């Protein structure tokens, strides 16, 4: 189990960053980097698009959990600065500081285009399959449906570059739908839902993963009956196994 590490979390003022940070702080030294202070946590207040401003946050850090991002229907320039420029800055600052590992939040919606086709369209409508469905894995061709998800895919490409060029260790987690109240918000969301304790488990498993892991991409979802994103590879690689399912909420 994770213990005694110096962990920097970007975007800790957000839901997932806060969930993971609160849990990891029970046995580690957790600090934060973001545009606003995090209550009770030593925070470097800076925008990740400002490289010089964020560099001090990485001094003495073992592990970076990168959750900061621009999401949703924002202008391209906003996504560019947060999800491309900001990601590059975080990776470069971590490289300079000789950080052991980065866990970087990507988006499961990188493959959302498959929901336009059967059988995934039916799963997104809450129809349980009569027979096993071919799951979308990390080797399946991506199908982003928005500028946001396209820039998140760019973040994965940057991670692959830093690993190849600089020998770093970066695990990109394609996060499912994590809700504030920990309940799927819709039938569609139930197919890609990830509970609070499952996303925290995934992040902690990535922090603790073997040192010889270099670059990996994993899906973080709960064990949902209408799910189509593969979490088995995460089980094989880092020991992740969902504890929750959307069935507990009637889906």
C-alpha atoms as a PDB file:
ATOM      1  CA  UNK A   1       0.000   0.000   0.000  1.00  0.00           C
ATOM      2  CA  UNK A   2       1.054   3.559  -0.717  1.00  0.00           C
ATOM      3  CA  UNK A   3       2.880   5.028   2.272  1.00  0.00           C
ATOM      4  CA  UNK A   4       5.335   7.791   2.977  1.00  0.00           C
ATOM      5  CA  UNK A   5       5.473   9.285  -0.507  1.00  0.00           C
ATOM      6  CA  UNK A   6       5.569  12.950  -1.456  1.00  0.00           C
ATOM      7  CA  UNK A   7       2.592  13.258  -3.773  1.00  0.00           C
ATOM      8  CA  UNK A   8       1.628  16.346  -5.765  1.00  0.00           C
ATOM      9  CA  UNK A   9      -1.946  16.554  -7.036  1.00  0.00           C
ATOM     10  CA  UNK A  10      -2.958  19.048  -9.691  1.00  0.00           C
ATOM     11  CA  UNK A  11      -6.619  19.981  -9.770  1.00  0.00           C
ATOM     12  CA  UNK A  12      -7.186  18.869  -6.193  1.00  0.00           C
ATOM     13  CA  UNK A  13      -9.986  21.396  -5.852  1.00  0.00           C
ATOM     14  CA  UNK A  14     -11.957  19.185  -8.273  1.00  0.00           C
ATOM     15  CA  UNK A  15     -13.957  16.115  -7.285  1.00  0.00           C
ATOM     16  CA  UNK A  16     -11.544  13.327  -8.250  1.00  0.00           C
ATOM     17  CA  UNK A  17      -8.451  15.178  -7.094  1.00  0.00           C
ATOM     18  CA  UNK A  18     -10.072  15.819  -3.740  1.00  0.00           C
ATOM     19  CA  UNK A  19     -11.253  12.213  -3.308  1.00  0.00           C
ATOM     20  CA  UNK A  20      -7.825  10.819  -4.139  1.00  0.00           C
ATOM     21  CA  UNK A  21      -5.915  13.436  -2.185  1.00  0.00           C
ATOM     22  CA  UNK A  22      -7.973  13.024   0.969  1.00  0.00           C
ATOM     23  CA  UNK A  23      -7.426   9.254   0.903  1.00  0.00           C
ATOM     24  CA  UNK A  24      -3.722   9.351   0.048  1.00  0.00           C
ATOM     25  CA  UNK A  25      -3.041  12.014   2.688  1.00  0.00           C
ATOM     26  CA  UNK A  26      -3.858   9.448   5.374  1.00  0.00           C
ATOM     27  CA  UNK A  27      -0.389   7.924   4.922  1.00  0.00           C
ATOM     28  CA  UNK A  28       1.516  10.283   2.603  1.00  0.00           C
ATOM     29  CA  UNK A  29       2.607  13.886   2.311  1.00  0.00           C
ATOM     30  CA  UNK A  30       0.137  15.370  -0.174  1.00  0.00           C
ATOM     31  CA  UNK A  31       0.515  18.816  -1.711  1.00  0.00           C
ATOM     32  CA  UNK A  32      -1.572  20.563  -4.343  1.00  0.00           C
ATOM     33  CA  UNK A  33      -1.121  22.677  -7.450  1.00  0.00           C
ATOM     34  CA  UNK A  34      -3.979  24.701  -8.852  1.00  0.00           C
ATOM     35  CA  UNK A  35      -5.541  28.063  -9.491  1.00  0.00           C
ATOM     36  CA  UNK A  36      -7.049  28.218  -6.008  1.00  0.00           C
ATOM     37  CA  UNK A  37      -5.950  27.066  -2.547  1.00  0.00           C
ATOM     38  CA  UNK A  38      -7.115  23.705  -1.226  1.00  0.00           C
ATOM     39  CA  UNK A  39      -8.276  23.871   2.386  1.00  0.00           C
ATOM     40  CA  UNK A  40      -5.890  22.116   4.734  1.00  0.00           C
ATOM     41  CA  UNK A  41      -3.367  21.292   1.998  1.00  0.00           C
ATOM     42  CA  UNK A  42      -0.148  23.106   1.130  1.00  0.00           C
ATOM     43  CA  UNK A  43      -0.966  24.532  -2.295  1.00  0.00           C
ATOM     44  CA  UNK A  44       1.086  26.189  -5.008  1.00  0.00           C
ATOM     45  CA  UNK A  45      -1.419  28.609  -6.507  1.00  0.00           C
ATOM     46  CA  UNK A  46      -0.667  28.854 -10.221  1.00  0.00           C
ATOM     47  CA  UNK A  47      -2.110  28.049 -13.620  1.00  0.00           C
ATOM     48  CA  UNK A  48      -0.505  25.016 -15.265  1.00  0.00           C
ATOM     49  CA  UNK A  49      -0.163  26.995 -18.495  1.00  0.00           C
ATOM     50  CA  UNK A  50       2.486  29.107 -16.691  1.00  0.00           C
ATOM     51  CA  UNK A  51       5.581  26.895 -16.610  1.00  0.00           C
ATOM     52  CA  UNK A  52       7.801  29.105 -14.449  1.00  0.00           C
ATOM     53  CA  UNK A  53       5.025  29.544 -11.887  1.00  0.00           C
ATOM     54  CA  UNK A  54       4.413  25.818 -11.399  1.00  0.00           C
ATOM     55  CA  UNK A  55       8.024  24.563 -11.245  1.00  0.00           C
ATOM     56  CA  UNK A  56       8.510  25.048  -7.469  1.00  0.00           C
ATOM     57  CA  UNK A  57       5.563  22.746  -6.744  1.00  0.00           C
ATOM     58  CA  UNK A  58       7.506  19.740  -8.070  1.00  0.00           C
ATOM     59  CA  UNK A  59      10.563  20.033  -5.841  1.00  0.00           C
ATOM     60  CA  UNK A  60      11.060  16.875  -3.762  1.00  0.00           C
ATOM     61  CA  UNK A  61       7.990  15.156  -5.227  1.00  0.00           C
ATOM     62  CA  UNK A  62       7.927  11.380  -5.816  1.00  0.00           C
ATOM     63  CA  UNK A  63       4.630  11.083  -7.639  1.00  0.00           C
ATOM     64  CA  UNK A  64       2.393  13.473  -9.568  1.00  0.00           C
ATOM     65  CA  UNK A  65      -1.342  12.872  -9.957  1.00  0.00           C
ATOM     66  CA  UNK A  66      -2.439  15.163 -12.754  1.00  0.00           C
ATOM     67  CA  UNK A  67      -6.178  15.892 -12.595  1.00  0.00           C
ATOM     68  CA  UNK A  68      -6.283  19.507 -13.704  1.00  0.00           C
ATOM     69  CA  UNK A  69      -8.055  19.970 -17.051  1.00  0.00           C
ATOM     70  CA  UNK A  70     -10.451  22.014 -19.104  1.00  0.00           C
ATOM     71  CA  UNK A  71     -13.672  20.078 -19.687  1.00  0.00           C
ATOM     72  CA  UNK A  72     -16.935  20.328 -21.553  1.00  0.00           C
ATOM     73  CA  UNK A  73     -18.054  22.826 -24.163  1.00  0.00           C
ATOM     74  CA  UNK A  74     -15.244  25.364 -23.905  1.00  0.00           C
ATOM     75  CA  UNK A  75     -13.507  27.277 -26.715  1.00  0.00           C
ATOM     76  CA  UNK A  76     -10.619  25.468 -28.382  1.00  0.00           C
ATOM     77  CA  UNK A  77      -8.098  27.949 -26.959  1.00  0.00           C
ATOM     78  CA  UNK A  78      -9.217  27.094 -23.415  1.00  0.00           C
ATOM     79  CA  UNK A  79      -8.772  23.362 -24.034  1.00  0.00           C
ATOM     80  CA  UNK A  80      -5.452  24.012 -25.773  1.00  0.00           C
ATOM     81  CA  UNK A  81      -3.969  25.899 -22.847  1.00  0.00           C
ATOM     82  CA  UNK A  82      -5.155  23.442 -20.185  1.00  0.00           C
ATOM     83  CA  UNK A  83      -5.063  20.075 -21.925  1.00  0.00           C
ATOM     84  CA  UNK A  84      -2.055  20.483 -24.213  1.00  0.00           C
ATOM     85  CA  UNK A  85       0.161  23.362 -23.036  1.00  0.00           C
ATOM     86  CA  UNK A  86      -0.625  22.681 -19.378  1.00  0.00           C
ATOM     87  CA  UNK A  87      -0.033  18.957 -19.725  1.00  0.00           C
ATOM     88  CA  UNK A  88       3.316  19.555 -21.431  1.00  0.00           C
ATOM     89  CA  UNK A  89       4.314  21.926 -18.620  1.00  0.00           C
ATOM     90  CA  UNK A  90       3.364  19.431 -15.918  1.00  0.00           C
ATOM     91  CA  UNK A  91       5.306  16.642 -17.618  1.00  0.00           C
ATOM     92  CA  UNK A  92       8.334  18.859 -18.226  1.00  0.00           C
ATOM     93  CA  UNK A  93       8.378  20.182 -14.656  1.00  0.00           C
ATOM     94  CA  UNK A  94       8.116  16.590 -13.396  1.00  0.00           C
ATOM     95  CA  UNK A  95      10.981  15.553 -15.663  1.00  0.00           C
ATOM     96  CA  UNK A  96      13.188  18.347 -14.367  1.00  0.00           C
ATOM     97  CA  UNK A  97      12.394  17.379 -10.773  1.00  0.00           C
ATOM     98  CA  UNK A  98      13.079  13.673 -11.469  1.00  0.00           C
ATOM     99  CA  UNK A  99       9.605  12.624 -10.372  1.00  0.00           C
ATOM    100  CA  UNK A 100       9.272   8.824 -10.153  1.00  0.00           C
ATOM    101  CA  UNK A 101       5.827   8.514 -11.750  1.00  0.00           C
ATOM    102  CA  UNK A 102       2.951  10.521 -13.173  1.00  0.00           C
ATOM    103  CA  UNK A 103      -0.659   9.359 -13.133  1.00  0.00           C
ATOM    104  CA  UNK A 104      -2.453  11.523 -15.694  1.00  0.00           C
ATOM    105  CA  UNK A 105      -6.208  11.778 -16.093  1.00  0.00           C
ATOM    106  CA  UNK A 106      -7.417  11.150 -19.609  1.00  0.00           C
ATOM    107  CA  UNK A 107     -11.040  10.624 -20.653  1.00  0.00           C
ATOM    108  CA  UNK A 108     -12.951   7.465 -21.450  1.00  0.00           C
ATOM    109  CA  UNK A 109     -14.958   9.568 -23.882  1.00  0.00           C
ATOM    110  CA  UNK A 110     -12.024   9.323 -26.268  1.00  0.00           C
ATOM    111  CA  UNK A 111     -13.926   6.348 -27.705  1.00  0.00           C
ATOM    112  CA  UNK A 112     -17.453   7.812 -27.336  1.00  0.00           C
ATOM    113  CA  UNK A 113     -18.026   7.570 -31.074  1.00  0.00           C
ATOM    114  CA  UNK A 114     -18.675   3.841 -30.687  1.00  0.00           C
ATOM    115  CA  UNK A 115     -21.952   4.670 -28.939  1.00  0.00           C
ATOM    116  CA  UNK A 116     -23.328   5.534 -32.386  1.00  0.00           C
ATOM    117  CA  UNK A 117     -22.979   1.882 -33.436  1.00  0.00           C
ATOM    118  CA  UNK A 118     -24.479  -1.372 -32.221  1.00  0.00           C
ATOM    119  CA  UNK A 119     -24.174  -3.008 -29.779  1.00  0.00           C
ATOM    120  CA  UNK A 120     -22.762  -0.020 -27.892  1.00  0.00           C
ATOM    121  CA  UNK A 121     -25.682   2.248 -28.787  1.00  0.00           C
ATOM    122  CA  UNK A 122     -28.055  -0.164 -27.039  1.00  0.00           C
ATOM    123  CA  UNK A 123     -25.791  -0.422 -24.005  1.00  0.00           C
ATOM    124  CA  UNK A 124     -25.783   3.374 -23.718  1.00  0.00           C
ATOM    125  CA  UNK A 125     -29.590   3.209 -23.706  1.00  0.00           C
ATOM    126  CA  UNK A 126     -29.536   0.781 -20.800  1.00  0.00           C
ATOM    127  CA  UNK A 127     -30.261  -2.405 -22.738  1.00  0.00           C
ATOM    128  CA  UNK A 128     -28.384  -5.307 -21.214  1.00  0.00           C
ATOM    129  CA  UNK A 129     -26.730  -7.577 -23.782  1.00  0.00           C
ATOM    130  CA  UNK A 130     -28.147 -11.027 -24.428  1.00  0.00           C
ATOM    131  CA  UNK A 131     -24.655 -12.332 -25.086  1.00  0.00           C
ATOM    132  CA  UNK A 132     -21.142 -11.096 -24.279  1.00  0.00           C
ATOM    133  CA  UNK A 133     -20.129  -7.897 -26.059  1.00  0.00           C
ATOM    134  CA  UNK A 134     -16.698  -7.247 -27.515  1.00  0.00           C
ATOM    135  CA  UNK A 135     -15.298  -4.700 -25.091  1.00  0.00           C
ATOM    136  CA  UNK A 136     -13.514  -1.529 -26.123  1.00  0.00           C
ATOM    137  CA  UNK A 137      -9.895  -1.949 -25.054  1.00  0.00           C
ATOM    138  CA  UNK A 138      -6.957   0.432 -24.952  1.00  0.00           C
ATOM    139  CA  UNK A 139      -5.812  -0.967 -28.297  1.00  0.00           C
ATOM    140  CA  UNK A 140      -9.136  -0.225 -30.021  1.00  0.00           C
ATOM    141  CA  UNK A 141      -9.060   2.664 -32.479  1.00  0.00           C
ATOM    142  CA  UNK A 142     -10.074   5.916 -30.781  1.00  0.00           C
ATOM    143  CA  UNK A 143     -13.195   7.846 -31.821  1.00  0.00           C
ATOM    144  CA  UNK A 144     -13.290  11.233 -30.058  1.00  0.00           C
ATOM    145  CA  UNK A 145     -16.478  13.218 -30.612  1.00  0.00           C
ATOM    146  CA  UNK A 146     -15.465  16.637 -29.279  1.00  0.00           C
ATOM    147  CA  UNK A 147     -12.573  19.079 -29.202  1.00  0.00           C
ATOM    148  CA  UNK A 148     -12.258  18.316 -25.483  1.00  0.00           C
ATOM    149  CA  UNK A 149     -11.700  14.591 -26.029  1.00  0.00           C
ATOM    150  CA  UNK A 150      -9.379  15.287 -28.951  1.00  0.00           C
ATOM    151  CA  UNK A 151      -7.150  17.364 -26.668  1.00  0.00           C
ATOM    152  CA  UNK A 152      -7.234  14.636 -24.004  1.00  0.00           C
ATOM    153  CA  UNK A 153      -5.979  12.245 -26.666  1.00  0.00           C
ATOM    154  CA  UNK A 154      -3.221  14.773 -27.330  1.00  0.00           C
ATOM    155  CA  UNK A 155      -2.289  14.549 -23.661  1.00  0.00           C
ATOM    156  CA  UNK A 156      -1.832  10.797 -24.031  1.00  0.00           C
ATOM    157  CA  UNK A 157       0.438  11.404 -27.012  1.00  0.00           C
ATOM    158  CA  UNK A 158       2.520  13.818 -24.953  1.00  0.00           C
ATOM    159  CA  UNK A 159       2.806  11.188 -22.224  1.00  0.00           C
ATOM    160  CA  UNK A 160       4.051   8.632 -24.757  1.00  0.00           C
ATOM    161  CA  UNK A 161       6.603  11.155 -26.007  1.00  0.00           C
ATOM    162  CA  UNK A 162       7.976  11.921 -22.541  1.00  0.00           C
ATOM    163  CA  UNK A 163       8.294   8.214 -21.814  1.00  0.00           C
ATOM    164  CA  UNK A 164      10.114   7.516 -25.084  1.00  0.00           C
ATOM    165  CA  UNK A 165      12.325  10.610 -25.026  1.00  0.00           C
ATOM    166  CA  UNK A 166      13.120  10.787 -21.330  1.00  0.00           C
ATOM    167  CA  UNK A 167      12.502   7.324 -19.861  1.00  0.00           C
ATOM    168  CA  UNK A 168       9.734   8.530 -17.550  1.00  0.00           C
ATOM    169  CA  UNK A 169       6.915   6.441 -16.074  1.00  0.00           C
ATOM    170  CA  UNK A 170       3.442   7.728 -16.971  1.00  0.00           C
ATOM    171  CA  UNK A 171       0.113   5.953 -16.606  1.00  0.00           C
ATOM    172  CA  UNK A 172      -2.825   7.590 -18.362  1.00  0.00           C
ATOM    173  CA  UNK A 173      -6.199   6.758 -16.837  1.00  0.00           C
ATOM    174  CA  UNK A 174      -9.226   7.083 -19.098  1.00  0.00           C
ATOM    175  CA  UNK A 175     -11.655   8.073 -16.377  1.00  0.00           C
ATOM    176  CA  UNK A 176     -15.315   7.089 -16.557  1.00  0.00           C
ATOM    177  CA  UNK A 177     -18.230   9.184 -15.288  1.00  0.00           C
ATOM    178  CA  UNK A 178     -17.599  10.110 -11.666  1.00  0.00           C
ATOM    179  CA  UNK A 179     -20.557  11.932 -10.092  1.00  0.00           C
ATOM    180  CA  UNK A 180     -20.579  14.251  -7.090  1.00  0.00           C
ATOM    181  CA  UNK A 181     -23.306  12.246  -5.327  1.00  0.00           C
ATOM    182  CA  UNK A 182     -21.702   8.921  -6.365  1.00  0.00           C
ATOM    183  CA  UNK A 183     -24.796   7.816  -8.314  1.00  0.00           C
ATOM    184  CA  UNK A 184     -25.090   7.491 -12.119  1.00  0.00           C
ATOM    185  CA  UNK A 185     -26.865  10.582 -13.428  1.00  0.00           C
ATOM    186  CA  UNK A 186     -28.599   8.790 -16.315  1.00  0.00           C
ATOM    187  CA  UNK A 187     -29.029   5.469 -18.082  1.00  0.00           C
ATOM    188  CA  UNK A 188     -26.180   6.378 -20.421  1.00  0.00           C
ATOM    189  CA  UNK A 189     -23.952   7.432 -17.526  1.00  0.00           C
ATOM    190  CA  UNK A 190     -24.585   4.056 -15.875  1.00  0.00           C
ATOM    191  CA  UNK A 191     -22.736   2.356 -18.733  1.00  0.00           C
ATOM    192  CA  UNK A 192     -19.534   4.311 -18.053  1.00  0.00           C
ATOM    193  CA  UNK A 193     -19.974   5.102 -14.348  1.00  0.00           C
ATOM    194  CA  UNK A 194     -17.032   4.932 -11.949  1.00  0.00           C
ATOM    195  CA  UNK A 195     -17.751   5.088  -8.231  1.00  0.00           C
ATOM    196  CA  UNK A 196     -15.801   7.197  -5.778  1.00  0.00           C
ATOM    197  CA  UNK A 197     -14.063   4.260  -4.171  1.00  0.00           C
ATOM    198  CA  UNK A 198     -13.283   2.679  -7.540  1.00  0.00           C
ATOM    199  CA  UNK A 199     -11.583   5.789  -8.952  1.00  0.00           C
ATOM    200  CA  UNK A 200      -9.637   6.221  -5.710  1.00  0.00           C
ATOM    201  CA  UNK A 201      -8.618   2.556  -5.875  1.00  0.00           C
ATOM    202  CA  UNK A 202      -7.459   2.964  -9.473  1.00  0.00           C
ATOM    203  CA  UNK A 203      -5.324   5.987  -8.671  1.00  0.00           C
ATOM    204  CA  UNK A 204      -3.767   4.339  -5.631  1.00  0.00           C
ATOM    205  CA  UNK A 205      -3.058   1.160  -7.602  1.00  0.00           C
ATOM    206  CA  UNK A 206      -1.281   3.257 -10.234  1.00  0.00           C
ATOM    207  CA  UNK A 207       0.784   5.016  -7.580  1.00  0.00           C
ATOM    208  CA  UNK A 208       1.838   1.630  -6.189  1.00  0.00           C
ATOM    209  CA  UNK A 209       2.354  -0.100  -9.556  1.00  0.00           C
ATOM    210  CA  UNK A 210       5.748  -1.733 -10.225  1.00  0.00           C
ATOM    211  CA  UNK A 211       8.613   0.618 -10.985  1.00  0.00           C
ATOM    212  CA  UNK A 212       9.294  -1.034 -14.335  1.00  0.00           C
ATOM    213  CA  UNK A 213       6.005   0.194 -15.802  1.00  0.00           C
ATOM    214  CA  UNK A 214       6.785   2.892 -18.351  1.00  0.00           C
ATOM    215  CA  UNK A 215       3.769   3.939 -20.433  1.00  0.00           C
ATOM    216  CA  UNK A 216       0.293   2.485 -20.034  1.00  0.00           C
ATOM    217  CA  UNK A 217      -3.279   3.540 -20.736  1.00  0.00           C
ATOM    218  CA  UNK A 218      -6.079   2.144 -18.553  1.00  0.00           C
ATOM    219  CA  UNK A 219      -9.863   2.472 -18.343  1.00  0.00           C
ATOM    220  CA  UNK A 220     -11.337   3.362 -14.961  1.00  0.00           C
ATOM    221  CA  UNK A 221     -14.952   2.201 -14.723  1.00  0.00           C
ATOM    222  CA  UNK A 222     -17.004   0.258 -12.233  1.00  0.00           C
ATOM    223  CA  UNK A 223     -18.290  -3.241 -13.045  1.00  0.00           C
ATOM    224  CA  UNK A 224     -21.464  -2.079 -14.793  1.00  0.00           C
ATOM    225  CA  UNK A 225     -23.830  -4.547 -16.531  1.00  0.00           C
ATOM    226  CA  UNK A 226     -24.149  -2.252 -19.566  1.00  0.00           C
ATOM    227  CA  UNK A 227     -20.473  -1.326 -19.535  1.00  0.00           C
ATOM    228  CA  UNK A 228     -18.402  -1.661 -22.679  1.00  0.00           C
ATOM    229  CA  UNK A 229     -14.998  -0.310 -21.611  1.00  0.00           C
ATOM    230  CA  UNK A 230     -12.471  -2.953 -20.623  1.00  0.00           C
ATOM    231  CA  UNK A 231     -11.100  -2.812 -17.078  1.00  0.00           C
ATOM    232  CA  UNK A 232      -9.523  -6.268 -17.158  1.00  0.00           C
ATOM    233  CA  UNK A 233      -6.228  -4.945 -18.499  1.00  0.00           C
ATOM    234  CA  UNK A 234      -6.040  -2.643 -15.466  1.00  0.00           C
ATOM    235  CA  UNK A 235      -6.586  -5.670 -13.251  1.00  0.00           C
ATOM    236  CA  UNK A 236      -3.752  -7.511 -14.968  1.00  0.00           C
ATOM    237  CA  UNK A 237      -1.371  -4.566 -14.935  1.00  0.00           C
ATOM    238  CA  UNK A 238      -1.916  -2.844 -11.586  1.00  0.00           C
ATOM    239  CA  UNK A 239      -4.351  -5.084  -9.681  1.00  0.00           C
ATOM    240  CA  UNK A 240      -7.429  -2.881 -10.091  1.00  0.00           C
ATOM    241  CA  UNK A 241     -10.721  -4.666  -9.482  1.00  0.00           C
ATOM    242  CA  UNK A 242     -13.973  -2.680  -9.223  1.00  0.00           C
ATOM    243  CA  UNK A 243     -15.819  -2.913  -5.939  1.00  0.00           C
ATOM    244  CA  UNK A 244     -18.993  -1.278  -7.216  1.00  0.00           C
ATOM    245  CA  UNK A 245     -21.563  -1.651  -9.981  1.00  0.00           C
ATOM    246  CA  UNK A 246     -24.351   0.572 -11.271  1.00  0.00           C
ATOM    247  CA  UNK A 247     -26.735  -2.224 -10.306  1.00  0.00           C
ATOM    248  CA  UNK A 248     -26.605  -1.012  -6.689  1.00  0.00           C
ATOM    249  CA  UNK A 249     -28.428   2.095  -7.910  1.00  0.00           C
ATOM    250  CA  UNK A 250     -31.034   0.243  -9.940  1.00  0.00           C
ATOM    251  CA  UNK A 251     -29.404   0.374 -13.374  1.00  0.00           C
END
